[in-house]
Amino acid sequence: MIRKPVSSSNLRSIGYDLKSLTLEIEFHDGSVYQYFDVPESVYNALMSASSHGSFFHRHIKDRFQWAKIR
């Protein structure tokens, strides 16, 4: 999955696959997580949020099934 770099103190890059509704997030420590069944509207809101990290913690973390892939 292709991720886009973001300006965040916590997140390094974010990718999204519309076909599978999979959100992929790379953190500054190098870990990469995939979140499943994430609506496109949530991805769009994350990408347009003034704070990507805060949006992630409020609206994504612990709300969607996930897997650590790296």
Foldseek 3Di string as FASTA:
>chain_A
DDWDADDAPFWGTWDADQVFRWIWTATPVGKIKIFGPHDPVLVVCLVPDPHNVVSCVPPPPPPTDMDTPD
